[in-house]
Every structure is written in C-alpha cells, then in structure tokens.
Amino acid sequence: MMRFSLGEVKDVIEAALECNIFYFDDKFYKQKQGLAIGHRMVLVLAVIVFHHIEKSSLTSGNLLYKRYIGDVFIVETTEEDFVETLKRLKFHDANITSTREDLGRDGFLPFFSAKTQISEGHKEHLWYRKSAPPNRLLHSRSACPIYTEAHVVQNLLKTKEKLWLLRD
C-alpha cells in the first residue's frame, strides 16, 4: 500500500484545483469561482468541507439532519432552533446560501425526490416530484452520455421503490 505524506496530498489537491476547466457543447470553459460541477475533486471536497462544518455547527437537538453533497435537510424542534442552526452553518462561509421549504398542506416536507413527515416520533417518507415546466426535462440528446442517463433513470426507479414502502 502506498502512503503519502500530508504535504504530498496537499500538493496533489492544489494541482487538481488549479485545473478548473470543463468541457461542454464542444467548447472548453474555465470556472472563475468555486469548482466546476464536473470536476473530479468536487464530491470529495464537498464531503470534507461539509463534514468539518457539521462537526462544529450541529447540536444533538436536531430532529432530523440529512445531507446529499451540498444540499442539507434539517428538521428542528422549534423555529428558533432552526434559525440558530442556519446561522451556525452560514458562519463558516459567506457563500453558503439557503432556501427554505415549509410544510405542505399534507404535513410533509419535500427534499429532492422524497417528502418526509415526522409525527409522534415516527418518520414517514414518500416519493415526491416537484412540478416542472416541460422545458426543464432532461432531453434524450443532452450532454450526458447515454449510460449516465440510463443510470439516472435506474436510480430514480430504485429510489421510488424504496420510498414507496419506506416507513420508520
């Protein structure tokens, strides 16, 4: 097994981050701020950065906390706790922005392809899809390779099956 020193790991990360170029529609682009979404280091660095932020920001009082890369789903016991948690998360970086979803009429809170309800300590998760205008659908001849599109569809179907029956 190869072992790298901390300095070597730092050098590799810095070199990878300097090459912040992506290819789309037969053209090369350079990302000026942040990382290009297709950059190989984005997922790893997002996990590392958010893990650091979470360790110093979250308390044990969160009813439910889930994160998918840079998107966070938080359920708190009170409005004040929620506001305080957001303040602690934003304290680490001014570029961290948040949007807030409120409970729907059915009492569920949406997050990606699911919606969640906590009632009397039990969590219920259901399949959910926000309505989208027709021009926002993924076209079959998009920039994504066909195998990527196939995997996206397969994963959506698997997730739907899991969420359809999932109850805490």
Foldseek 3Di string as FASTA:
>chain_A
DDDDDPVVVVVVVVVLQVPQWDDDPNDIDHDPDDHDPPRPCLQVVLVVVVVVLCVFQDDPQWLDWDDDSLDIDTHGPDPVVVVSSVCSSCVVDVPDDDDDFDADPVQWTDDPQWTWHADPNKIAIAGHDDDDPPVPDDDCPHRDDNVVVVVVVVVSVVVNVCNHPDID
